[in-house]
Amino acid sequence: MPDPIVPPRISRAEVAHLAHLARLAVTDDELDLFARQLDIILTSVARVADVAAADIPPTSHAVAMTNVFRPDRTRPSLPREAVLAGAPAVEDDKFRVPRILSDEA
């Protein structure tokens, strides 16, 4: 329930106006209920704005991230003949693939 000393942030008339804009049919009891509930929501949102977070830098992750790439080093791999042996088509010691673009530009 909102603090009786602090004036409500949203009035019953404003709730009625919002309901009209949203094309919602609300009763008088619902207007009072929604006004109280919206006041609680607006008060909670205002508290977030009061947090002193100016010294906290913006982040993209909840935890610190570091570069996860490994060093680029050459290492042994399969011989070319073994790799090309499983290819459906080979030409000039390379994989042969179907043409997807024409020579016309």
N, C-alpha and C. Protein backbone atom coordinates (compact mmCIF):
# COMPACT_ATOMS: atom_id res chain seq x y z
N MET A 1 0.85 -1.17 0.00
CA MET A 1 0.00 0.00 0.00
C MET A 1 0.90 1.24 0.00
N PRO A 2 0.61 2.27 -0.81
CA PRO A 2 1.46 3.44 -0.88
C PRO A 2 1.49 4.21 0.44
N ASP A 3 2.59 4.90 0.65
CA ASP A 3 2.76 5.71 1.86
C ASP A 3 1.74 6.85 1.82
N PRO A 4 0.94 7.04 2.90
CA PRO A 4 -0.10 8.08 2.89
C PRO A 4 0.48 9.49 2.85
N ILE A 5 1.75 9.67 3.26
CA ILE A 5 2.36 11.00 3.26
C ILE A 5 2.75 11.42 1.85
N VAL A 6 3.21 10.46 1.05
CA VAL A 6 3.64 10.74 -0.31
C VAL A 6 2.41 10.76 -1.22
N PRO A 7 2.23 11.85 -1.98
CA PRO A 7 1.07 11.87 -2.88
C PRO A 7 1.21 10.82 -3.98
N PRO A 8 0.11 10.24 -4.41
CA PRO A 8 0.20 9.21 -5.45
C PRO A 8 0.78 9.78 -6.74
N ARG A 9 1.52 8.96 -7.46
CA ARG A 9 2.15 9.38 -8.70
C ARG A 9 1.18 9.34 -9.89
N ILE A 10 0.10 8.61 -9.74
CA ILE A 10 -0.87 8.51 -10.83
C ILE A 10 -2.27 8.61 -10.22
N SER A 11 -3.11 9.39 -10.85
CA SER A 11 -4.46 9.60 -10.31
C SER A 11 -5.45 8.62 -10.94
N ARG A 12 -6.60 8.54 -10.32
CA ARG A 12 -7.68 7.70 -10.82
C ARG A 12 -8.11 8.18 -12.21
N ALA A 13 -8.12 9.50 -12.40
CA ALA A 13 -8.50 10.06 -13.71
C ALA A 13 -7.49 9.68 -14.79
N GLU A 14 -6.21 9.65 -14.42
CA GLU A 14 -5.18 9.26 -15.40
C GLU A 14 -5.33 7.79 -15.77
N VAL A 15 -5.66 6.97 -14.79
CA VAL A 15 -5.89 5.55 -15.07
C VAL A 15 -7.10 5.39 -15.99
N ALA A 16 -8.15 6.15 -15.75
CA ALA A 16 -9.34 6.09 -16.61
C ALA A 16 -8.98 6.52 -18.03
N HIS A 17 -8.14 7.55 -18.14
CA HIS A 17 -7.72 8.02 -19.47
C HIS A 17 -6.90 6.94 -20.19
N LEU A 18 -5.98 6.31 -19.46
CA LEU A 18 -5.18 5.23 -20.06
C LEU A 18 -6.05 4.05 -20.47
N ALA A 19 -7.03 3.72 -19.65
CA ALA A 19 -7.94 2.62 -19.99
C ALA A 19 -8.72 2.96 -21.25
N HIS A 20 -9.14 4.22 -21.37
CA HIS A 20 -9.88 4.65 -22.56
C HIS A 20 -8.99 4.54 -23.80
N LEU A 21 -7.72 4.99 -23.68
CA LEU A 21 -6.80 4.90 -24.82
C LEU A 21 -6.54 3.46 -25.24
N ALA A 22 -6.49 2.57 -24.25
CA ALA A 22 -6.25 1.15 -24.53
C ALA A 22 -7.53 0.41 -24.88
N ARG A 23 -8.65 1.15 -24.91
CA ARG A 23 -9.96 0.58 -25.22
C ARG A 23 -10.32 -0.55 -24.24
N LEU A 24 -10.03 -0.29 -22.95
CA LEU A 24 -10.38 -1.25 -21.90
C LEU A 24 -11.59 -0.76 -21.13
N ALA A 25 -12.54 -1.64 -20.92
CA ALA A 25 -13.70 -1.31 -20.10
C ALA A 25 -13.38 -1.70 -18.66
N VAL A 26 -13.27 -0.70 -17.79
CA VAL A 26 -12.94 -0.97 -16.39
C VAL A 26 -14.02 -0.38 -15.49
N THR A 27 -14.24 -1.05 -14.38
CA THR A 27 -15.24 -0.58 -13.41
C THR A 27 -14.59 0.45 -12.48
N ASP A 28 -15.42 1.11 -11.67
CA ASP A 28 -14.90 2.08 -10.70
C ASP A 28 -13.97 1.40 -9.69
N ASP A 29 -14.33 0.21 -9.27
CA ASP A 29 -13.47 -0.53 -8.33
C ASP A 29 -12.12 -0.85 -8.97
N GLU A 30 -12.15 -1.23 -10.25
CA GLU A 30 -10.90 -1.54 -10.96
C GLU A 30 -10.03 -0.30 -11.13
N LEU A 31 -10.66 0.87 -11.36
CA LEU A 31 -9.89 2.11 -11.47
C LEU A 31 -9.11 2.38 -10.19
N ASP A 32 -9.76 2.21 -9.05
CA ASP A 32 -9.08 2.41 -7.77
C ASP A 32 -7.96 1.39 -7.58
N LEU A 33 -8.24 0.13 -7.91
CA LEU A 33 -7.25 -0.93 -7.77
C LEU A 33 -6.05 -0.66 -8.68
N PHE A 34 -6.32 -0.36 -9.94
CA PHE A 34 -5.24 -0.13 -10.90
C PHE A 34 -4.42 1.10 -10.53
N ALA A 35 -5.08 2.13 -10.01
CA ALA A 35 -4.36 3.34 -9.59
C ALA A 35 -3.39 3.00 -8.47
N ARG A 36 -3.81 2.18 -7.51
CA ARG A 36 -2.92 1.79 -6.41
C ARG A 36 -1.77 0.92 -6.93
N GLN A 37 -2.09 -0.02 -7.80
CA GLN A 37 -1.06 -0.92 -8.33
C GLN A 37 -0.05 -0.15 -9.18
N LEU A 38 -0.53 0.73 -10.03
CA LEU A 38 0.38 1.52 -10.86
C LEU A 38 1.22 2.46 -10.03
N ASP A 39 0.67 2.97 -8.95
CA ASP A 39 1.43 3.83 -8.05
C ASP A 39 2.59 3.05 -7.42
N ILE A 40 2.34 1.82 -7.03
CA ILE A 40 3.40 0.97 -6.47
C ILE A 40 4.48 0.72 -7.52
N ILE A 41 4.06 0.45 -8.75
CA ILE A 41 5.02 0.20 -9.83
C ILE A 41 5.85 1.44 -10.09
N LEU A 42 5.22 2.59 -10.21
CA LEU A 42 5.95 3.83 -10.48
C LEU A 42 6.90 4.20 -9.34
N THR A 43 6.51 3.94 -8.12
CA THR A 43 7.37 4.19 -6.97
C THR A 43 8.60 3.28 -7.03
N SER A 44 8.39 2.03 -7.39
CA SER A 44 9.51 1.08 -7.49
C SER A 44 10.47 1.48 -8.59
N VAL A 45 9.94 1.91 -9.73
CA VAL A 45 10.79 2.34 -10.84
C VAL A 45 11.58 3.59 -10.45
N ALA A 46 10.96 4.48 -9.70
CA ALA A 46 11.65 5.70 -9.25
C ALA A 46 12.81 5.35 -8.33
N ARG A 47 12.67 4.30 -7.53
CA ARG A 47 13.76 3.89 -6.64
C ARG A 47 14.98 3.44 -7.44
N VAL A 48 14.75 2.79 -8.56
CA VAL A 48 15.86 2.37 -9.41
C VAL A 48 16.63 3.59 -9.91
N ALA A 49 15.92 4.64 -10.25
CA ALA A 49 16.57 5.86 -10.73
C ALA A 49 17.38 6.53 -9.63
N ASP A 50 17.06 6.28 -8.38
CA ASP A 50 17.77 6.88 -7.25
C ASP A 50 19.09 6.20 -6.94
N VAL A 51 19.32 5.03 -7.51
CA VAL A 51 20.55 4.29 -7.22
C VAL A 51 21.74 5.07 -7.76
N ALA A 52 22.73 5.25 -6.93
CA ALA A 52 23.93 5.98 -7.35
C ALA A 52 24.85 5.02 -8.08
N ALA A 53 24.71 4.94 -9.38
CA ALA A 53 25.51 4.02 -10.18
C ALA A 53 26.39 4.75 -11.17
N ALA A 54 26.66 6.02 -10.91
CA ALA A 54 27.46 6.80 -11.86
C ALA A 54 28.88 6.28 -11.97
N ASP A 55 29.41 5.68 -10.91
CA ASP A 55 30.78 5.20 -10.94
C ASP A 55 30.90 3.76 -11.43
N ILE A 56 29.79 3.15 -11.82
CA ILE A 56 29.81 1.78 -12.33
C ILE A 56 29.77 1.82 -13.85
N PRO A 57 30.80 1.31 -14.52
CA PRO A 57 30.82 1.36 -15.98
C PRO A 57 29.77 0.42 -16.59
N PRO A 58 29.26 0.77 -17.77
CA PRO A 58 28.31 -0.13 -18.43
C PRO A 58 28.99 -1.45 -18.81
N THR A 59 28.22 -2.51 -18.81
CA THR A 59 28.78 -3.82 -19.13
C THR A 59 27.93 -4.51 -20.18
N SER A 60 28.55 -5.44 -20.88
CA SER A 60 27.80 -6.24 -21.84
C SER A 60 27.59 -7.65 -21.34
N HIS A 61 28.32 -8.02 -20.26
CA HIS A 61 28.19 -9.35 -19.67
C HIS A 61 28.16 -9.23 -18.15
N ALA A 62 27.55 -10.18 -17.52
CA ALA A 62 27.46 -10.17 -16.06
C ALA A 62 28.81 -10.46 -15.41
N VAL A 63 29.65 -11.21 -16.11
CA VAL A 63 30.98 -11.53 -15.59
C VAL A 63 32.01 -11.05 -16.61
N ALA A 64 33.22 -10.79 -16.14
CA ALA A 64 34.27 -10.31 -17.03
C ALA A 64 34.60 -11.38 -18.07
N MET A 65 34.77 -10.94 -19.29
CA MET A 65 35.09 -11.85 -20.39
C MET A 65 36.52 -11.56 -20.85
N THR A 66 37.24 -12.61 -21.23
CA THR A 66 38.57 -12.45 -21.79
C THR A 66 38.59 -13.09 -23.16
N ASN A 67 39.59 -12.73 -23.93
CA ASN A 67 39.73 -13.29 -25.26
C ASN A 67 39.95 -14.79 -25.14
N VAL A 68 39.16 -15.58 -25.84
CA VAL A 68 39.24 -17.03 -25.73
C VAL A 68 39.91 -17.67 -26.94
N PHE A 69 40.50 -16.86 -27.81
CA PHE A 69 41.16 -17.42 -28.99
C PHE A 69 42.50 -18.03 -28.60
N ARG A 70 42.84 -19.11 -29.23
CA ARG A 70 44.14 -19.73 -29.00
C ARG A 70 45.16 -19.08 -29.92
N PRO A 71 46.43 -19.24 -29.61
CA PRO A 71 47.46 -18.71 -30.52
C PRO A 71 47.38 -19.40 -31.88
N ASP A 72 47.66 -18.69 -32.92
CA ASP A 72 47.59 -19.22 -34.29
C ASP A 72 48.93 -19.86 -34.63
N ARG A 73 49.00 -21.18 -34.45
CA ARG A 73 50.23 -21.93 -34.72
C ARG A 73 49.93 -23.04 -35.70
N THR A 74 50.87 -23.29 -36.57
CA THR A 74 50.70 -24.41 -37.49
C THR A 74 50.95 -25.70 -36.74
N ARG A 75 50.28 -26.74 -37.15
CA ARG A 75 50.47 -28.05 -36.53
C ARG A 75 50.18 -29.11 -37.59
N PRO A 76 50.62 -30.31 -37.38
CA PRO A 76 50.41 -31.36 -38.39
C PRO A 76 48.93 -31.64 -38.60
N SER A 77 48.60 -31.96 -39.83
CA SER A 77 47.23 -32.34 -40.15
C SER A 77 47.26 -33.52 -41.11
N LEU A 78 46.11 -33.87 -41.62
CA LEU A 78 46.04 -35.00 -42.55
C LEU A 78 46.77 -34.68 -43.84
N PRO A 79 47.36 -35.69 -44.47
CA PRO A 79 47.98 -35.44 -45.78
C PRO A 79 46.91 -35.08 -46.82
N ARG A 80 47.31 -34.26 -47.78
CA ARG A 80 46.38 -33.80 -48.82
C ARG A 80 45.71 -34.98 -49.52
N GLU A 81 46.45 -36.02 -49.80
CA GLU A 81 45.88 -37.17 -50.51
C GLU A 81 44.76 -37.83 -49.69
N ALA A 82 44.95 -37.92 -48.39
CA ALA A 82 43.93 -38.55 -47.54
C ALA A 82 42.67 -37.70 -47.50
N VAL A 83 42.82 -36.38 -47.46
CA VAL A 83 41.66 -35.50 -47.43
C VAL A 83 40.92 -35.57 -48.76
N LEU A 84 41.64 -35.47 -49.85
CA LEU A 84 41.00 -35.47 -51.17
C LEU A 84 40.44 -36.84 -51.54
N ALA A 85 40.89 -37.89 -50.86
CA ALA A 85 40.38 -39.23 -51.17
C ALA A 85 38.89 -39.34 -50.83
N GLY A 86 38.41 -38.56 -49.88
CA GLY A 86 37.00 -38.62 -49.52
C GLY A 86 36.13 -37.63 -50.27
N ALA A 87 36.72 -36.83 -51.16
CA ALA A 87 35.96 -35.81 -51.90
C ALA A 87 35.20 -36.44 -53.05
N PRO A 88 33.98 -35.96 -53.35
CA PRO A 88 33.24 -36.52 -54.48
C PRO A 88 33.87 -36.15 -55.83
N ALA A 89 34.57 -35.01 -55.89
CA ALA A 89 35.22 -34.60 -57.15
C ALA A 89 36.48 -33.80 -56.81
N VAL A 90 37.57 -34.10 -57.56
CA VAL A 90 38.86 -33.43 -57.34
C VAL A 90 39.35 -32.91 -58.67
N GLU A 91 39.97 -31.72 -58.64
CA GLU A 91 40.56 -31.14 -59.85
C GLU A 91 41.78 -30.32 -59.43
N ASP A 92 42.94 -30.60 -60.02
CA ASP A 92 44.20 -29.89 -59.71
C ASP A 92 44.51 -29.92 -58.21
N ASP A 93 44.38 -31.08 -57.58
CA ASP A 93 44.65 -31.26 -56.15
C ASP A 93 43.78 -30.36 -55.25
N LYS A 94 42.58 -30.09 -55.71
CA LYS A 94 41.64 -29.27 -54.92
C LYS A 94 40.25 -29.90 -55.03
N PHE A 95 39.37 -29.52 -54.07
CA PHE A 95 37.98 -29.96 -54.16
C PHE A 95 37.34 -29.31 -55.37
N ARG A 96 36.59 -30.09 -56.14
CA ARG A 96 35.83 -29.53 -57.26
C ARG A 96 34.40 -29.35 -56.78
N VAL A 97 33.89 -28.14 -56.93
CA VAL A 97 32.53 -27.83 -56.50
C VAL A 97 31.75 -27.30 -57.70
N PRO A 98 30.44 -27.46 -57.69
CA PRO A 98 29.64 -26.95 -58.81
C PRO A 98 29.68 -25.42 -58.86
N ARG A 99 29.66 -24.90 -60.09
CA ARG A 99 29.62 -23.44 -60.27
C ARG A 99 28.25 -22.93 -59.84
N ILE A 100 28.25 -21.85 -59.06
CA ILE A 100 26.98 -21.26 -58.64
C ILE A 100 26.78 -19.88 -59.24
N LEU A 101 27.83 -19.29 -59.76
CA LEU A 101 27.74 -17.98 -60.41
C LEU A 101 28.14 -18.11 -61.87
N SER A 102 27.52 -17.34 -62.72
CA SER A 102 27.89 -17.37 -64.12
C SER A 102 29.09 -16.46 -64.36
N ASP A 103 29.69 -16.57 -65.55
CA ASP A 103 30.83 -15.72 -65.89
C ASP A 103 30.42 -14.30 -66.18
N GLU A 104 29.12 -14.08 -66.41
CA GLU A 104 28.65 -12.74 -66.72
C GLU A 104 28.59 -11.90 -65.44
N ALA A 105 29.05 -10.67 -65.54
CA ALA A 105 29.06 -9.82 -64.37
C ALA A 105 27.87 -8.87 -64.37
